[in-house]
C-alpha atoms as a PDB file:
ATOM      1  CA  UNK A   1       0.000   0.000   0.000  1.00  0.00           C
ATOM      2  CA  UNK A   2       1.405   3.394  -1.005  1.00  0.00           C
ATOM      3  CA  UNK A   3       2.140   5.860   1.776  1.00  0.00           C
ATOM      4  CA  UNK A   4       0.506   9.305   1.417  1.00  0.00           C
ATOM      5  CA  UNK A   5       2.986  12.030   0.410  1.00  0.00           C
ATOM      6  CA  UNK A   6       4.649  13.864   3.278  1.00  0.00           C
ATOM      7  CA  UNK A   7       3.294  17.350   3.899  1.00  0.00           C
ATOM      8  CA  UNK A   8       5.662  20.055   2.696  1.00  0.00           C
ATOM      9  CA  UNK A   9       7.036  23.056   4.579  1.00  0.00           C
ATOM     10  CA  UNK A  10       7.944  26.546   3.406  1.00  0.00           C
ATOM     11  CA  UNK A  11      10.503  28.195   5.699  1.00  0.00           C
ATOM     12  CA  UNK A  12      10.647  31.989   5.501  1.00  0.00           C
ATOM     13  CA  UNK A  13      13.822  33.347   7.104  1.00  0.00           C
ATOM     14  CA  UNK A  14      14.337  37.110   7.374  1.00  0.00           C
ATOM     15  CA  UNK A  15      17.918  38.323   7.401  1.00  0.00           C
ATOM     16  CA  UNK A  16      20.116  41.388   7.674  1.00  0.00           C
ATOM     17  CA  UNK A  17      23.917  41.243   7.624  1.00  0.00           C
ATOM     18  CA  UNK A  18      24.337  38.389  10.097  1.00  0.00           C
ATOM     19  CA  UNK A  19      27.157  36.857   8.086  1.00  0.00           C
ATOM     20  CA  UNK A  20      28.436  34.584  10.857  1.00  0.00           C
ATOM     21  CA  UNK A  21      25.045  33.473  12.165  1.00  0.00           C
ATOM     22  CA  UNK A  22      23.248  32.632   8.919  1.00  0.00           C
ATOM     23  CA  UNK A  23      25.381  29.515   8.206  1.00  0.00           C
ATOM     24  CA  UNK A  24      24.423  28.157  11.639  1.00  0.00           C
ATOM     25  CA  UNK A  25      20.721  28.592  10.879  1.00  0.00           C
ATOM     26  CA  UNK A  26      21.119  26.985   7.438  1.00  0.00           C
ATOM     27  CA  UNK A  27      23.074  24.012   8.764  1.00  0.00           C
ATOM     28  CA  UNK A  28      20.513  23.447  11.510  1.00  0.00           C
ATOM     29  CA  UNK A  29      17.994  22.747   8.740  1.00  0.00           C
ATOM     30  CA  UNK A  30      20.387  20.753   6.574  1.00  0.00           C
ATOM     31  CA  UNK A  31      20.936  18.540   9.652  1.00  0.00           C
ATOM     32  CA  UNK A  32      17.217  17.825  10.112  1.00  0.00           C
ATOM     33  CA  UNK A  33      16.149  14.186  10.187  1.00  0.00           C
ATOM     34  CA  UNK A  34      13.167  15.229   8.049  1.00  0.00           C
ATOM     35  CA  UNK A  35      13.951  17.020   4.784  1.00  0.00           C
ATOM     36  CA  UNK A  36      10.473  18.061   3.622  1.00  0.00           C
ATOM     37  CA  UNK A  37      11.251  21.786   3.475  1.00  0.00           C
ATOM     38  CA  UNK A  38      12.290  24.622   1.175  1.00  0.00           C
ATOM     39  CA  UNK A  39      14.167  27.355   3.019  1.00  0.00           C
ATOM     40  CA  UNK A  40      13.953  30.812   1.452  1.00  0.00           C
ATOM     41  CA  UNK A  41      16.011  33.613   2.964  1.00  0.00           C
ATOM     42  CA  UNK A  42      14.795  37.177   2.515  1.00  0.00           C
ATOM     43  CA  UNK A  43      17.525  39.768   3.050  1.00  0.00           C
ATOM     44  CA  UNK A  44      16.563  43.340   3.886  1.00  0.00           C
ATOM     45  CA  UNK A  45      18.197  45.269   0.974  1.00  0.00           C
ATOM     46  CA  UNK A  46      20.945  44.174  -1.445  1.00  0.00           C
ATOM     47  CA  UNK A  47      24.211  42.994   0.098  1.00  0.00           C
ATOM     48  CA  UNK A  48      27.093  41.580  -1.938  1.00  0.00           C
ATOM     49  CA  UNK A  49      28.776  39.814   0.992  1.00  0.00           C
ATOM     50  CA  UNK A  50      25.561  38.027   1.973  1.00  0.00           C
ATOM     51  CA  UNK A  51      24.835  37.105  -1.625  1.00  0.00           C
ATOM     52  CA  UNK A  52      28.236  35.420  -1.918  1.00  0.00           C
ATOM     53  CA  UNK A  53      27.435  33.333   1.176  1.00  0.00           C
ATOM     54  CA  UNK A  54      23.921  32.374   0.104  1.00  0.00           C
ATOM     55  CA  UNK A  55      24.841  31.643  -3.518  1.00  0.00           C
ATOM     56  CA  UNK A  56      27.158  28.863  -2.381  1.00  0.00           C
ATOM     57  CA  UNK A  57      24.394  27.173  -0.402  1.00  0.00           C
ATOM     58  CA  UNK A  58      21.860  27.515  -3.202  1.00  0.00           C
ATOM     59  CA  UNK A  59      24.324  26.032  -5.705  1.00  0.00           C
ATOM     60  CA  UNK A  60      24.971  23.032  -3.446  1.00  0.00           C
ATOM     61  CA  UNK A  61      21.379  22.517  -2.248  1.00  0.00           C
ATOM     62  CA  UNK A  62      19.141  23.913  -5.013  1.00  0.00           C
ATOM     63  CA  UNK A  63      16.103  21.877  -3.979  1.00  0.00           C
ATOM     64  CA  UNK A  64      16.291  23.030  -0.348  1.00  0.00           C
ATOM     65  CA  UNK A  65      17.625  26.598  -0.309  1.00  0.00           C
ATOM     66  CA  UNK A  66      16.756  29.814  -2.130  1.00  0.00           C
ATOM     67  CA  UNK A  67      17.156  33.515  -1.363  1.00  0.00           C
ATOM     68  CA  UNK A  68      15.935  36.948  -2.343  1.00  0.00           C
ATOM     69  CA  UNK A  69      17.074  40.523  -1.692  1.00  0.00           C
ATOM     70  CA  UNK A  70      14.599  43.364  -1.367  1.00  0.00           C
ATOM     71  CA  UNK A  71      15.175  46.428  -3.466  1.00  0.00           C
ATOM     72  CA  UNK A  72      15.023  48.679  -0.435  1.00  0.00           C
ATOM     73  CA  UNK A  73      15.838  48.571   3.275  1.00  0.00           C
ATOM     74  CA  UNK A  74      12.618  48.277   5.298  1.00  0.00           C
ATOM     75  CA  UNK A  75      14.276  48.193   8.746  1.00  0.00           C
ATOM     76  CA  UNK A  76      11.054  47.098  10.495  1.00  0.00           C
ATOM     77  CA  UNK A  77      12.158  44.007  12.459  1.00  0.00           C
ATOM     78  CA  UNK A  78      11.891  41.987   9.234  1.00  0.00           C
ATOM     79  CA  UNK A  79       8.092  42.229   9.251  1.00  0.00           C
ATOM     80  CA  UNK A  80       7.709  43.513   5.675  1.00  0.00           C
ATOM     81  CA  UNK A  81       9.907  40.633   4.516  1.00  0.00           C
ATOM     82  CA  UNK A  82       7.733  38.175   6.429  1.00  0.00           C
ATOM     83  CA  UNK A  83       4.679  39.527   4.647  1.00  0.00           C
ATOM     84  CA  UNK A  84       6.387  38.980   1.286  1.00  0.00           C
ATOM     85  CA  UNK A  85       7.400  35.479   2.326  1.00  0.00           C
ATOM     86  CA  UNK A  86       3.888  34.516   3.414  1.00  0.00           C
ATOM     87  CA  UNK A  87       2.492  35.653   0.062  1.00  0.00           C
ATOM     88  CA  UNK A  88       5.093  33.587  -1.816  1.00  0.00           C
ATOM     89  CA  UNK A  89       4.972  30.444   0.350  1.00  0.00           C
ATOM     90  CA  UNK A  90       3.725  27.365  -1.495  1.00  0.00           C
ATOM     91  CA  UNK A  91       4.257  24.538   0.995  1.00  0.00           C
ATOM     92  CA  UNK A  92       1.407  22.903   2.904  1.00  0.00           C
ATOM     93  CA  UNK A  93       2.754  24.418   6.140  1.00  0.00           C
ATOM     94  CA  UNK A  94       4.787  27.494   6.998  1.00  0.00           C
ATOM     95  CA  UNK A  95       7.567  28.329   9.463  1.00  0.00           C
ATOM     96  CA  UNK A  96       8.818  31.901   9.892  1.00  0.00           C
ATOM     97  CA  UNK A  97      12.192  32.423  11.535  1.00  0.00           C
ATOM     98  CA  UNK A  98      15.210  34.745  11.815  1.00  0.00           C
ATOM     99  CA  UNK A  99      18.774  34.373  10.605  1.00  0.00           C
ATOM    100  CA  UNK A 100      20.283  34.127  14.096  1.00  0.00           C
ATOM    101  CA  UNK A 101      18.051  31.301  15.342  1.00  0.00           C
ATOM    102  CA  UNK A 102      18.768  27.592  15.209  1.00  0.00           C
ATOM    103  CA  UNK A 103      16.947  24.299  15.686  1.00  0.00           C
ATOM    104  CA  UNK A 104      17.739  20.846  17.047  1.00  0.00           C
ATOM    105  CA  UNK A 105      18.083  18.120  14.382  1.00  0.00           C
ATOM    106  CA  UNK A 106      14.742  16.474  15.220  1.00  0.00           C
ATOM    107  CA  UNK A 107      12.722  19.715  15.218  1.00  0.00           C
ATOM    108  CA  UNK A 108      10.861  18.977  11.984  1.00  0.00           C
ATOM    109  CA  UNK A 109      10.493  15.298  12.807  1.00  0.00           C
ATOM    110  CA  UNK A 110       8.721  16.009  16.088  1.00  0.00           C
ATOM    111  CA  UNK A 111       6.663  18.893  14.717  1.00  0.00           C
ATOM    112  CA  UNK A 112       5.367  16.925  11.743  1.00  0.00           C
ATOM    113  CA  UNK A 113       4.643  13.887  13.860  1.00  0.00           C
ATOM    114  CA  UNK A 114       2.262  16.128  15.819  1.00  0.00           C
ATOM    115  CA  UNK A 115       0.812  17.674  12.656  1.00  0.00           C
ATOM    116  CA  UNK A 116       0.122  14.351  11.024  1.00  0.00           C
ATOM    117  CA  UNK A 117      -1.121  12.610  14.161  1.00  0.00           C
ATOM    118  CA  UNK A 118      -3.924  15.121  14.678  1.00  0.00           C
ATOM    119  CA  UNK A 119      -4.160  16.888  11.305  1.00  0.00           C
ATOM    120  CA  UNK A 120      -3.656  20.106  13.264  1.00  0.00           C
ATOM    121  CA  UNK A 121      -3.496  23.632  11.882  1.00  0.00           C
ATOM    122  CA  UNK A 122      -0.707  24.816  14.163  1.00  0.00           C
ATOM    123  CA  UNK A 123       1.939  23.208  16.347  1.00  0.00           C
ATOM    124  CA  UNK A 124       4.128  24.868  18.993  1.00  0.00           C
ATOM    125  CA  UNK A 125       7.276  23.681  20.737  1.00  0.00           C
ATOM    126  CA  UNK A 126       9.042  24.975  23.827  1.00  0.00           C
ATOM    127  CA  UNK A 127      12.246  26.945  23.378  1.00  0.00           C
ATOM    128  CA  UNK A 128      15.261  28.660  24.909  1.00  0.00           C
ATOM    129  CA  UNK A 129      16.223  32.336  24.652  1.00  0.00           C
ATOM    130  CA  UNK A 130      19.824  33.499  24.738  1.00  0.00           C
ATOM    131  CA  UNK A 131      18.935  36.761  26.495  1.00  0.00           C
ATOM    132  CA  UNK A 132      17.590  37.880  29.874  1.00  0.00           C
ATOM    133  CA  UNK A 133      13.900  38.335  30.704  1.00  0.00           C
ATOM    134  CA  UNK A 134      12.370  36.750  27.592  1.00  0.00           C
ATOM    135  CA  UNK A 135       8.748  37.806  27.279  1.00  0.00           C
ATOM    136  CA  UNK A 136       9.231  39.847  30.463  1.00  0.00           C
ATOM    137  CA  UNK A 137       9.697  36.695  32.541  1.00  0.00           C
ATOM    138  CA  UNK A 138      12.096  36.967  35.499  1.00  0.00           C
ATOM    139  CA  UNK A 139      14.596  34.432  34.202  1.00  0.00           C
ATOM    140  CA  UNK A 140      18.074  34.408  32.739  1.00  0.00           C
ATOM    141  CA  UNK A 141      19.404  33.230  29.393  1.00  0.00           C
ATOM    142  CA  UNK A 142      19.308  29.619  28.195  1.00  0.00           C
ATOM    143  CA  UNK A 143      16.530  28.613  30.563  1.00  0.00           C
ATOM    144  CA  UNK A 144      13.359  26.754  29.622  1.00  0.00           C
ATOM    145  CA  UNK A 145      10.738  29.004  28.039  1.00  0.00           C
ATOM    146  CA  UNK A 146       7.397  27.237  28.013  1.00  0.00           C
ATOM    147  CA  UNK A 147       5.221  28.460  25.171  1.00  0.00           C
ATOM    148  CA  UNK A 148       1.464  28.882  24.776  1.00  0.00           C
ATOM    149  CA  UNK A 149      -0.765  30.319  22.021  1.00  0.00           C
ATOM    150  CA  UNK A 150      -0.954  33.785  23.594  1.00  0.00           C
ATOM    151  CA  UNK A 151       0.944  37.075  23.855  1.00  0.00           C
ATOM    152  CA  UNK A 152       4.240  37.041  25.765  1.00  0.00           C
ATOM    153  CA  UNK A 153       4.329  33.264  25.493  1.00  0.00           C
ATOM    154  CA  UNK A 154       5.443  32.634  21.919  1.00  0.00           C
ATOM    155  CA  UNK A 155       7.991  33.530  19.284  1.00  0.00           C
ATOM    156  CA  UNK A 156       7.107  33.083  15.636  1.00  0.00           C
ATOM    157  CA  UNK A 157      10.072  30.741  15.232  1.00  0.00           C
ATOM    158  CA  UNK A 158       8.575  28.140  17.570  1.00  0.00           C
ATOM    159  CA  UNK A 159       5.418  27.470  15.545  1.00  0.00           C
ATOM    160  CA  UNK A 160       4.473  25.827  12.268  1.00  0.00           C
ATOM    161  CA  UNK A 161       1.081  26.741  10.782  1.00  0.00           C
ATOM    162  CA  UNK A 162      -1.031  25.654   7.841  1.00  0.00           C
ATOM    163  CA  UNK A 163      -0.050  27.991   5.009  1.00  0.00           C
ATOM    164  CA  UNK A 164      -3.587  28.607   3.793  1.00  0.00           C
ATOM    165  CA  UNK A 165      -4.459  30.097   7.189  1.00  0.00           C
ATOM    166  CA  UNK A 166      -1.369  32.326   7.299  1.00  0.00           C
ATOM    167  CA  UNK A 167      -2.243  33.751   3.891  1.00  0.00           C
ATOM    168  CA  UNK A 168      -5.640  35.041   5.050  1.00  0.00           C
ATOM    169  CA  UNK A 169      -4.094  38.023   6.848  1.00  0.00           C
ATOM    170  CA  UNK A 170      -0.408  37.937   6.005  1.00  0.00           C
ATOM    171  CA  UNK A 171       1.819  39.890   8.406  1.00  0.00           C
ATOM    172  CA  UNK A 172      -0.016  43.102   9.290  1.00  0.00           C
ATOM    173  CA  UNK A 173       1.698  44.422  12.417  1.00  0.00           C
ATOM    174  CA  UNK A 174       5.047  46.034  11.593  1.00  0.00           C
ATOM    175  CA  UNK A 175       5.763  46.956  15.231  1.00  0.00           C
ATOM    176  CA  UNK A 176       7.710  45.298  18.035  1.00  0.00           C
ATOM    177  CA  UNK A 177       4.882  42.901  18.953  1.00  0.00           C
ATOM    178  CA  UNK A 178       4.239  41.709  15.406  1.00  0.00           C
ATOM    179  CA  UNK A 179       4.690  38.046  16.376  1.00  0.00           C
ATOM    180  CA  UNK A 180       1.807  38.183  18.843  1.00  0.00           C
ATOM    181  CA  UNK A 181      -0.477  39.971  16.376  1.00  0.00           C
ATOM    182  CA  UNK A 182       0.344  37.353  13.751  1.00  0.00           C
ATOM    183  CA  UNK A 183      -0.673  34.586  16.158  1.00  0.00           C
ATOM    184  CA  UNK A 184      -3.926  36.367  17.017  1.00  0.00           C
ATOM    185  CA  UNK A 185      -4.641  36.815  13.309  1.00  0.00           C
ATOM    186  CA  UNK A 186      -4.131  33.078  12.763  1.00  0.00           C
ATOM    187  CA  UNK A 187      -6.682  32.340  15.470  1.00  0.00           C
ATOM    188  CA  UNK A 188      -9.141  34.838  13.970  1.00  0.00           C
ATOM    189  CA  UNK A 189      -8.587  33.468  10.464  1.00  0.00           C
ATOM    190  CA  UNK A 190      -9.468  29.930  11.547  1.00  0.00           C
ATOM    191  CA  UNK A 191     -12.190  29.807  14.225  1.00  0.00           C
ATOM    192  CA  UNK A 192     -11.840  26.498  15.996  1.00  0.00           C
ATOM    193  CA  UNK A 193      -8.181  26.308  14.981  1.00  0.00           C
ATOM    194  CA  UNK A 194      -6.718  22.930  15.933  1.00  0.00           C
ATOM    195  CA  UNK A 195      -3.323  23.137  17.581  1.00  0.00           C
ATOM    196  CA  UNK A 196      -0.850  20.903  19.321  1.00  0.00           C
ATOM    197  CA  UNK A 197       1.707  21.924  21.941  1.00  0.00           C
ATOM    198  CA  UNK A 198       4.934  19.944  22.327  1.00  0.00           C
ATOM    199  CA  UNK A 199       6.880  20.072  25.561  1.00  0.00           C
ATOM    200  CA  UNK A 200      10.124  19.355  23.685  1.00  0.00           C
ATOM    201  CA  UNK A 201      12.700  22.174  23.647  1.00  0.00           C
ATOM    202  CA  UNK A 202      13.527  22.271  19.936  1.00  0.00           C
ATOM    203  CA  UNK A 203      14.434  25.875  19.179  1.00  0.00           C
ATOM    204  CA  UNK A 204      16.989  28.466  20.335  1.00  0.00           C
ATOM    205  CA  UNK A 205      16.038  32.113  19.882  1.00  0.00           C
ATOM    206  CA  UNK A 206      18.882  34.646  19.812  1.00  0.00           C
END
């Protein structure tokens, strides 16, 4: 009996001149036990040094990695680039992340196990922040950050969502709390949204 095709993932990564960090993010996806993704990096304005870095990865992994430079510098936390990425995403599911983040090798394996087990619209994992007081919590860096589908309890990089839902609003909030607004828009776009929360720590936010 034929197995159904694995659901696909579009990864939208916003970037700006993090020349040393971006290879770490890329390799964290190349090391995944599940390779059902296409990673597209959106850089905020043209940058010859970054293009030289990304061109090498695209040449070696053309089916997994692509990139794009905006014609102007938006300088809005990467939110305008996220909106572009959502509009262009063509995978079944969508992950939005930043160029200084990284993921454990079984991140996609665990996340898609949860997606496929319950046919859920959104799945969250727990994470670690490298800075003090993440989400205003009185804790130091590299401590467990338990997530929840609410403000001050998520980062966009810890959640995978059904792409068709993300496209209903795109990324509207260009301010500091854009991640939380995006989550609230997802919930509004899909009343009765089905989600799963994993207690695994699979993501490091820098």
